[in-house]
């Protein structure tokens, strides 16, 4: 007899139970934290941009330094 009403009972109770669990464990806040960018994500993205910029600058300076070393070597070779 109870088994006949079980689907109806579950349809009535289950949504309320899940809402209560979500409220107790603040799942809406957890979901927001997981899905939306937070302060740490924003800082990480900024740091990634800075690292890429520093890498580009370092590569440019390395090329210029190599060119300068070559120039100095050539100048020394001409003097000797």
PDB file of N, CA and C in Angstrom:
ATOM      1  N   UNK A   1       0.816  -1.201   0.000  1.00  0.00           N
ATOM      2  CA  UNK A   1       0.000   0.000   0.000  1.00  0.00           C
ATOM      3  C   UNK A   1       0.859   1.264   0.000  1.00  0.00           C
ATOM      4  N   UNK A   2       1.893   1.274   0.837  1.00  0.00           N
ATOM      5  CA  UNK A   2       2.777   2.432   0.902  1.00  0.00           C
ATOM      6  C   UNK A   2       3.552   2.576  -0.401  1.00  0.00           C
ATOM      7  N   UNK A   3       3.886   1.454  -1.004  1.00  0.00           N
ATOM      8  CA  UNK A   3       4.672   1.516  -2.237  1.00  0.00           C
ATOM      9  C   UNK A   3       3.916   2.239  -3.359  1.00  0.00           C
ATOM     10  N   UNK A   4       2.602   2.280  -3.289  1.00  0.00           N
ATOM     11  CA  UNK A   4       1.832   3.000  -4.293  1.00  0.00           C
ATOM     12  C   UNK A   4       1.988   4.511  -4.138  1.00  0.00           C
ATOM     13  N   UNK A   5       2.129   4.948  -2.916  1.00  0.00           N
ATOM     14  CA  UNK A   5       2.233   6.379  -2.640  1.00  0.00           C
ATOM     15  C   UNK A   5       3.681   6.880  -2.597  1.00  0.00           C
ATOM     16  N   UNK A   6       4.633   5.966  -2.634  1.00  0.00           N
ATOM     17  CA  UNK A   6       6.036   6.345  -2.518  1.00  0.00           C
ATOM     18  C   UNK A   6       6.468   7.352  -3.596  1.00  0.00           C
ATOM     19  N   UNK A   7       6.184   7.160  -4.889  1.00  0.00           N
ATOM     20  CA  UNK A   7       6.576   8.166  -5.879  1.00  0.00           C
ATOM     21  C   UNK A   7       5.973   9.541  -5.593  1.00  0.00           C
ATOM     22  N   UNK A   8       4.735   9.575  -5.138  1.00  0.00           N
ATOM     23  CA  UNK A   8       4.083  10.846  -4.813  1.00  0.00           C
ATOM     24  C   UNK A   8       4.768  11.496  -3.613  1.00  0.00           C
ATOM     25  N   UNK A   9       5.083  10.703  -2.624  1.00  0.00           N
ATOM     26  CA  UNK A   9       5.754  11.224  -1.431  1.00  0.00           C
ATOM     27  C   UNK A   9       7.135  11.768  -1.800  1.00  0.00           C
ATOM     28  N   UNK A  10       7.853  11.011  -2.614  1.00  0.00           N
ATOM     29  CA  UNK A  10       9.178  11.469  -3.036  1.00  0.00           C
ATOM     30  C   UNK A  10       9.103  12.773  -3.821  1.00  0.00           C
ATOM     31  N   UNK A  11       8.091  12.908  -4.681  1.00  0.00           N
ATOM     32  CA  UNK A  11       7.935  14.138  -5.452  1.00  0.00           C
ATOM     33  C   UNK A  11       7.663  15.333  -4.550  1.00  0.00           C
ATOM     34  N   UNK A  12       7.013  15.084  -3.428  1.00  0.00           N
ATOM     35  CA  UNK A  12       6.701  16.180  -2.505  1.00  0.00           C
ATOM     36  C   UNK A  12       7.883  16.478  -1.573  1.00  0.00           C
ATOM     37  N   UNK A  13       8.558  15.458  -1.108  1.00  0.00           N
ATOM     38  CA  UNK A  13       9.581  15.623  -0.077  1.00  0.00           C
ATOM     39  C   UNK A  13      10.955  15.943  -0.655  1.00  0.00           C
ATOM     40  N   UNK A  14      11.309  15.296  -1.731  1.00  0.00           N
ATOM     41  CA  UNK A  14      12.656  15.433  -2.266  1.00  0.00           C
ATOM     42  C   UNK A  14      13.042  16.875  -2.624  1.00  0.00           C
ATOM     43  N   UNK A  15      12.204  17.630  -3.313  1.00  0.00           N
ATOM     44  CA  UNK A  15      12.585  19.026  -3.595  1.00  0.00           C
ATOM     45  C   UNK A  15      12.796  19.853  -2.328  1.00  0.00           C
ATOM     46  N   UNK A  16      11.958  19.646  -1.342  1.00  0.00           N
ATOM     47  CA  UNK A  16      12.125  20.402  -0.093  1.00  0.00           C
ATOM     48  C   UNK A  16      13.397  19.988   0.627  1.00  0.00           C
ATOM     49  N   UNK A  17      13.706  18.700   0.593  1.00  0.00           N
ATOM     50  CA  UNK A  17      14.924  18.214   1.239  1.00  0.00           C
ATOM     51  C   UNK A  17      16.167  18.759   0.545  1.00  0.00           C
ATOM     52  N   UNK A  18      16.167  18.748  -0.772  1.00  0.00           N
ATOM     53  CA  UNK A  18      17.330  19.272  -1.492  1.00  0.00           C
ATOM     54  C   UNK A  18      17.482  20.777  -1.286  1.00  0.00           C
ATOM     55  N   UNK A  19      16.391  21.501  -1.247  1.00  0.00           N
ATOM     56  CA  UNK A  19      16.457  22.936  -0.959  1.00  0.00           C
ATOM     57  C   UNK A  19      17.031  23.186   0.424  1.00  0.00           C
ATOM     58  N   UNK A  20      16.603  22.393   1.384  1.00  0.00           N
ATOM     59  CA  UNK A  20      17.088  22.541   2.759  1.00  0.00           C
ATOM     60  C   UNK A  20      18.591  22.237   2.826  1.00  0.00           C
ATOM     61  N   UNK A  21      19.019  21.169   2.175  1.00  0.00           N
ATOM     62  CA  UNK A  21      20.445  20.814   2.172  1.00  0.00           C
ATOM     63  C   UNK A  21      21.257  21.920   1.504  1.00  0.00           C
ATOM     64  N   UNK A  22      20.762  22.431   0.400  1.00  0.00           N
ATOM     65  CA  UNK A  22      21.463  23.510  -0.297  1.00  0.00           C
ATOM     66  C   UNK A  22      21.585  24.737   0.598  1.00  0.00           C
ATOM     67  N   UNK A  23      20.560  25.031   1.357  1.00  0.00           N
ATOM     68  CA  UNK A  23      20.570  26.191   2.237  1.00  0.00           C
ATOM     69  C   UNK A  23      21.528  25.975   3.404  1.00  0.00           C
ATOM     70  N   UNK A  24      21.467  24.801   4.014  1.00  0.00           N
ATOM     71  CA  UNK A  24      22.311  24.507   5.177  1.00  0.00           C
ATOM     72  C   UNK A  24      23.791  24.556   4.800  1.00  0.00           C
ATOM     73  N   UNK A  25      24.142  23.967   3.671  1.00  0.00           N
ATOM     74  CA  UNK A  25      25.543  23.913   3.268  1.00  0.00           C
ATOM     75  C   UNK A  25      25.953  25.096   2.389  1.00  0.00           C
ATOM     76  N   UNK A  26      25.072  26.064   2.214  1.00  0.00           N
ATOM     77  CA  UNK A  26      25.330  27.271   1.425  1.00  0.00           C
ATOM     78  C   UNK A  26      25.873  26.915   0.042  1.00  0.00           C
ATOM     79  N   UNK A  27      25.207  25.975  -0.603  1.00  0.00           N
ATOM     80  CA  UNK A  27      25.667  25.507  -1.902  1.00  0.00           C
ATOM     81  C   UNK A  27      25.588  26.584  -2.981  1.00  0.00           C
ATOM     82  N   UNK A  28      24.710  27.556  -2.802  1.00  0.00           N
ATOM     83  CA  UNK A  28      24.647  28.643  -3.780  1.00  0.00           C
ATOM     84  C   UNK A  28      25.946  29.456  -3.766  1.00  0.00           C
ATOM     85  N   UNK A  29      26.503  29.660  -2.579  1.00  0.00           N
ATOM     86  CA  UNK A  29      27.763  30.391  -2.479  1.00  0.00           C
ATOM     87  C   UNK A  29      28.920  29.561  -3.037  1.00  0.00           C
ATOM     88  N   UNK A  30      28.886  28.264  -2.761  1.00  0.00           N
ATOM     89  CA  UNK A  30      29.924  27.382  -3.279  1.00  0.00           C
ATOM     90  C   UNK A  30      29.874  27.371  -4.806  1.00  0.00           C
ATOM     91  N   UNK A  31      28.685  27.269  -5.342  1.00  0.00           N
ATOM     92  CA  UNK A  31      28.520  27.252  -6.794  1.00  0.00           C
ATOM     93  C   UNK A  31      28.992  28.567  -7.413  1.00  0.00           C
ATOM     94  N   UNK A  32      28.669  29.663  -6.771  1.00  0.00           N
ATOM     95  CA  UNK A  32      29.110  30.972  -7.261  1.00  0.00           C
ATOM     96  C   UNK A  32      30.636  31.050  -7.236  1.00  0.00           C
ATOM     97  N   UNK A  33      31.249  30.561  -6.158  1.00  0.00           N
ATOM     98  CA  UNK A  33      32.701  30.591  -6.026  1.00  0.00           C
ATOM     99  C   UNK A  33      33.370  29.752  -7.111  1.00  0.00           C
ATOM    100  N   UNK A  34      32.769  28.607  -7.413  1.00  0.00           N
ATOM    101  CA  UNK A  34      33.357  27.699  -8.393  1.00  0.00           C
ATOM    102  C   UNK A  34      33.173  28.208  -9.817  1.00  0.00           C
ATOM    103  N   UNK A  35      32.006  28.730 -10.136  1.00  0.00           N
ATOM    104  CA  UNK A  35      31.682  29.082 -11.516  1.00  0.00           C
ATOM    105  C   UNK A  35      32.118  30.487 -11.926  1.00  0.00           C
ATOM    106  N   UNK A  36      32.110  31.423 -10.995  1.00  0.00           N
ATOM    107  CA  UNK A  36      32.426  32.803 -11.354  1.00  0.00           C
ATOM    108  C   UNK A  36      33.855  33.144 -10.938  1.00  0.00           C
ATOM    109  N   UNK A  37      34.505  34.026 -11.697  1.00  0.00           N
ATOM    110  CA  UNK A  37      35.862  34.431 -11.312  1.00  0.00           C
ATOM    111  C   UNK A  37      35.847  35.113  -9.941  1.00  0.00           C
ATOM    112  N   UNK A  38      36.781  34.716  -9.114  1.00  0.00           N
ATOM    113  CA  UNK A  38      36.876  35.351  -7.799  1.00  0.00           C
ATOM    114  C   UNK A  38      38.175  36.147  -7.725  1.00  0.00           C
ATOM    115  N   UNK A  39      38.478  36.686  -6.577  1.00  0.00           N
ATOM    116  CA  UNK A  39      39.640  37.560  -6.419  1.00  0.00           C
ATOM    117  C   UNK A  39      40.940  36.834  -6.758  1.00  0.00           C
ATOM    118  N   UNK A  40      41.049  35.578  -6.355  1.00  0.00           N
ATOM    119  CA  UNK A  40      42.264  34.812  -6.658  1.00  0.00           C
ATOM    120  C   UNK A  40      42.411  34.589  -8.156  1.00  0.00           C
ATOM    121  N   UNK A  41      41.318  34.312  -8.844  1.00  0.00           N
ATOM    122  CA  UNK A  41      41.370  34.122 -10.300  1.00  0.00           C
ATOM    123  C   UNK A  41      41.839  35.396 -10.999  1.00  0.00           C
ATOM    124  N   UNK A  42      41.319  36.519 -10.555  1.00  0.00           N
ATOM    125  CA  UNK A  42      41.673  37.806 -11.159  1.00  0.00           C
ATOM    126  C   UNK A  42      43.149  38.108 -10.939  1.00  0.00           C
ATOM    127  N   UNK A  43      43.644  37.875  -9.706  1.00  0.00           N
ATOM    128  CA  UNK A  43      45.057  38.111  -9.426  1.00  0.00           C
ATOM    129  C   UNK A  43      45.940  37.177 -10.245  1.00  0.00           C
ATOM    130  N   UNK A  44      45.535  35.932 -10.370  1.00  0.00           N
ATOM    131  CA  UNK A  44      46.298  34.954 -11.146  1.00  0.00           C
ATOM    132  C   UNK A  44      46.373  35.381 -12.615  1.00  0.00           C
ATOM    133  N   UNK A  45      45.268  35.833 -13.161  1.00  0.00           N
ATOM    134  CA  UNK A  45      45.262  36.291 -14.550  1.00  0.00           C
ATOM    135  C   UNK A  45      46.190  37.491 -14.749  1.00  0.00           C
ATOM    136  N   UNK A  46      46.173  38.418 -13.796  1.00  0.00           N
ATOM    137  CA  UNK A  46      47.063  39.576 -13.884  1.00  0.00           C
ATOM    138  C   UNK A  46      48.522  39.142 -13.825  1.00  0.00           C
ATOM    139  N   UNK A  47      48.819  38.194 -12.941  1.00  0.00           N
ATOM    140  CA  UNK A  47      50.190  37.712 -12.823  1.00  0.00           C
ATOM    141  C   UNK A  47      50.641  36.992 -14.096  1.00  0.00           C
ATOM    142  N   UNK A  48      49.736  36.255 -14.719  1.00  0.00           N
ATOM    143  CA  UNK A  48      50.075  35.584 -15.977  1.00  0.00           C
ATOM    144  C   UNK A  48      50.439  36.603 -17.050  1.00  0.00           C
ATOM    145  N   UNK A  49      49.697  37.688 -17.111  1.00  0.00           N
ATOM    146  CA  UNK A  49      49.985  38.740 -18.090  1.00  0.00           C
ATOM    147  C   UNK A  49      51.350  39.363 -17.793  1.00  0.00           C
ATOM    148  N   UNK A  50      51.618  39.620 -16.514  1.00  0.00           N
ATOM    149  CA  UNK A  50      52.904  40.210 -16.141  1.00  0.00           C
ATOM    150  C   UNK A  50      54.059  39.276 -16.484  1.00  0.00           C
ATOM    151  N   UNK A  51      53.900  37.995 -16.231  1.00  0.00           N
ATOM    152  CA  UNK A  51      54.954  37.022 -16.535  1.00  0.00           C
ATOM    153  C   UNK A  51      55.214  36.985 -18.038  1.00  0.00           C
ATOM    154  N   UNK A  52      54.153  36.980 -18.826  1.00  0.00           N
ATOM    155  CA  UNK A  52      54.323  36.984 -20.282  1.00  0.00           C
ATOM    156  C   UNK A  52      55.045  38.246 -20.745  1.00  0.00           C
ATOM    157  N   UNK A  53      54.687  39.384 -20.155  1.00  0.00           N
ATOM    158  CA  UNK A  53      55.348  40.645 -20.511  1.00  0.00           C
ATOM    159  C   UNK A  53      56.832  40.600 -20.139  1.00  0.00           C
ATOM    160  N   UNK A  54      57.126  40.095 -18.936  1.00  0.00           N
ATOM    161  CA  UNK A  54      58.513  40.014 -18.500  1.00  0.00           C
ATOM    162  C   UNK A  54      59.309  39.040 -19.364  1.00  0.00           C
ATOM    163  N   UNK A  55      58.685  37.969 -19.790  1.00  0.00           N
ATOM    164  CA  UNK A  55      59.361  37.016 -20.670  1.00  0.00           C
ATOM    165  C   UNK A  55      59.702  37.680 -22.008  1.00  0.00           C
ATOM    166  N   UNK A  56      58.748  38.418 -22.546  1.00  0.00           N
ATOM    167  CA  UNK A  56      58.983  39.115 -23.816  1.00  0.00           C
ATOM    168  C   UNK A  56      60.108  40.132 -23.669  1.00  0.00           C
ATOM    169  N   UNK A  57      60.089  40.894 -22.582  1.00  0.00           N
ATOM    170  CA  UNK A  57      61.133  41.896 -22.343  1.00  0.00           C
ATOM    171  C   UNK A  57      62.489  41.222 -22.188  1.00  0.00           C
ATOM    172  N   UNK A  58      62.534  40.119 -21.458  1.00  0.00           N
ATOM    173  CA  UNK A  58      63.785  39.386 -21.258  1.00  0.00           C
ATOM    174  C   UNK A  58      64.329  38.871 -22.576  1.00  0.00           C
ATOM    175  N   UNK A  59      63.457  38.347 -23.418  1.00  0.00           N
ATOM    176  CA  UNK A  59      63.904  37.852 -24.715  1.00  0.00           C
ATOM    177  C   UNK A  59      64.453  38.999 -25.573  1.00  0.00           C
ATOM    178  N   UNK A  60      63.771  40.140 -25.554  1.00  0.00           N
ATOM    179  CA  UNK A  60      64.238  41.308 -26.315  1.00  0.00           C
ATOM    180  C   UNK A  60      65.608  41.773 -25.815  1.00  0.00           C
ATOM    181  N   UNK A  61      65.763  41.839 -24.486  1.00  0.00           N
ATOM    182  CA  UNK A  61      67.035  42.282 -23.913  1.00  0.00           C
ATOM    183  C   UNK A  61      68.151  41.286 -24.206  1.00  0.00           C
ATOM    184  N   UNK A  62      67.824  40.005 -24.201  1.00  0.00           N
ATOM    185  CA  UNK A  62      68.822  38.980 -24.513  1.00  0.00           C
ATOM    186  C   UNK A  62      69.305  39.135 -25.945  1.00  0.00           C
ATOM    187  N   UNK A  63      68.378  39.371 -26.862  1.00  0.00           N
ATOM    188  CA  UNK A  63      68.774  39.585 -28.260  1.00  0.00           C
ATOM    189  C   UNK A  63      69.658  40.825 -28.401  1.00  0.00           C
ATOM    190  N   UNK A  64      69.298  41.901 -27.728  1.00  0.00           N
ATOM    191  CA  UNK A  64      70.095  43.125 -27.790  1.00  0.00           C
ATOM    192  C   UNK A  64      71.477  42.923 -27.174  1.00  0.00           C
ATOM    193  N   UNK A  65      71.520  42.188 -26.059  1.00  0.00           N
ATOM    194  CA  UNK A  65      72.796  41.913 -25.408  1.00  0.00           C
ATOM    195  C   UNK A  65      73.692  41.066 -26.304  1.00  0.00           C
ATOM    196  N   UNK A  66      73.118  40.069 -26.959  1.00  0.00           N
ATOM    197  CA  UNK A  66      73.893  39.237 -27.889  1.00  0.00           C
ATOM    198  C   UNK A  66      74.439  40.080 -29.038  1.00  0.00           C
ATOM    199  N   UNK A  67      73.607  40.974 -29.546  1.00  0.00           N
ATOM    200  CA  UNK A  67      74.055  41.850 -30.633  1.00  0.00           C
ATOM    201  C   UNK A  67      75.174  42.757 -30.152  1.00  0.00           C
ATOM    202  N   UNK A  68      75.059  43.265 -28.941  1.00  0.00           N
ATOM    203  CA  UNK A  68      76.098  44.140 -28.387  1.00  0.00           C
ATOM    204  C   UNK A  68      77.399  43.367 -28.172  1.00  0.00           C
ATOM    205  N   UNK A  69      77.309  42.137 -27.686  1.00  0.00           N
ATOM    206  CA  UNK A  69      78.502  41.306 -27.507  1.00  0.00           C
ATOM    207  C   UNK A  69      79.190  41.060 -28.849  1.00  0.00           C
ATOM    208  N   UNK A  70      78.400  40.779 -29.856  1.00  0.00           N
ATOM    209  CA  UNK A  70      78.956  40.560 -31.193  1.00  0.00           C
ATOM    210  C   UNK A  70      79.637  41.830 -31.703  1.00  0.00           C
ATOM    211  N   UNK A  71      79.006  42.957 -31.493  1.00  0.00           N
ATOM    212  CA  UNK A  71      79.581  44.235 -31.923  1.00  0.00           C
ATOM    213  C   UNK A  71      80.906  44.499 -31.220  1.00  0.00           C
ATOM    214  N   UNK A  72      80.948  44.278 -29.909  1.00  0.00           N
ATOM    215  CA  UNK A  72      82.176  44.516 -29.138  1.00  0.00           C
ATOM    216  C   UNK A  72      83.286  43.574 -29.609  1.00  0.00           C
ATOM    217  N   UNK A  73      82.927  42.329 -29.836  1.00  0.00           N
ATOM    218  CA  UNK A  73      83.912  41.358 -30.318  1.00  0.00           C
ATOM    219  C   UNK A  73      84.457  41.785 -31.685  1.00  0.00           C
ATOM    220  N   UNK A  74      83.585  42.199 -32.568  1.00  0.00           N
ATOM    221  CA  UNK A  74      84.017  42.656 -33.882  1.00  0.00           C
ATOM    222  C   UNK A  74      84.937  43.868 -33.778  1.00  0.00           C
ATOM    223  N   UNK A  75      84.602  44.780 -32.875  1.00  0.00           N
ATOM    224  CA  UNK A  75      85.416  45.974 -32.682  1.00  0.00           C
ATOM    225  C   UNK A  75      86.803  45.581 -32.146  1.00  0.00           C
ATOM    226  N   UNK A  76      86.844  44.638 -31.227  1.00  0.00           N
ATOM    227  CA  UNK A  76      88.127  44.195 -30.670  1.00  0.00           C
ATOM    228  C   UNK A  76      88.941  43.486 -31.740  1.00  0.00           C
ATOM    229  N   UNK A  77      88.263  42.710 -32.584  1.00  0.00           N
ATOM    230  CA  UNK A  77      88.993  42.011 -33.650  1.00  0.00           C
ATOM    231  C   UNK A  77      89.584  42.992 -34.651  1.00  0.00           C
ATOM    232  N   UNK A  78      88.879  44.080 -34.908  1.00  0.00           N
ATOM    233  CA  UNK A  78      89.385  45.083 -35.855  1.00  0.00           C
ATOM    234  C   UNK A  78      90.619  45.790 -35.286  1.00  0.00           C
ATOM    235  N   UNK A  79      90.675  45.988 -33.992  1.00  0.00           N
ATOM    236  CA  UNK A  79      91.804  46.690 -33.361  1.00  0.00           C
ATOM    237  C   UNK A  79      93.057  45.808 -33.328  1.00  0.00           C
ATOM    238  N   UNK A  80      92.855  44.527 -33.290  1.00  0.00           N
ATOM    239  CA  UNK A  80      94.043  43.684 -33.186  1.00  0.00           C
ATOM    240  C   UNK A  80      94.562  43.212 -34.511  1.00  0.00           C
TER     241      UNK A  80
END
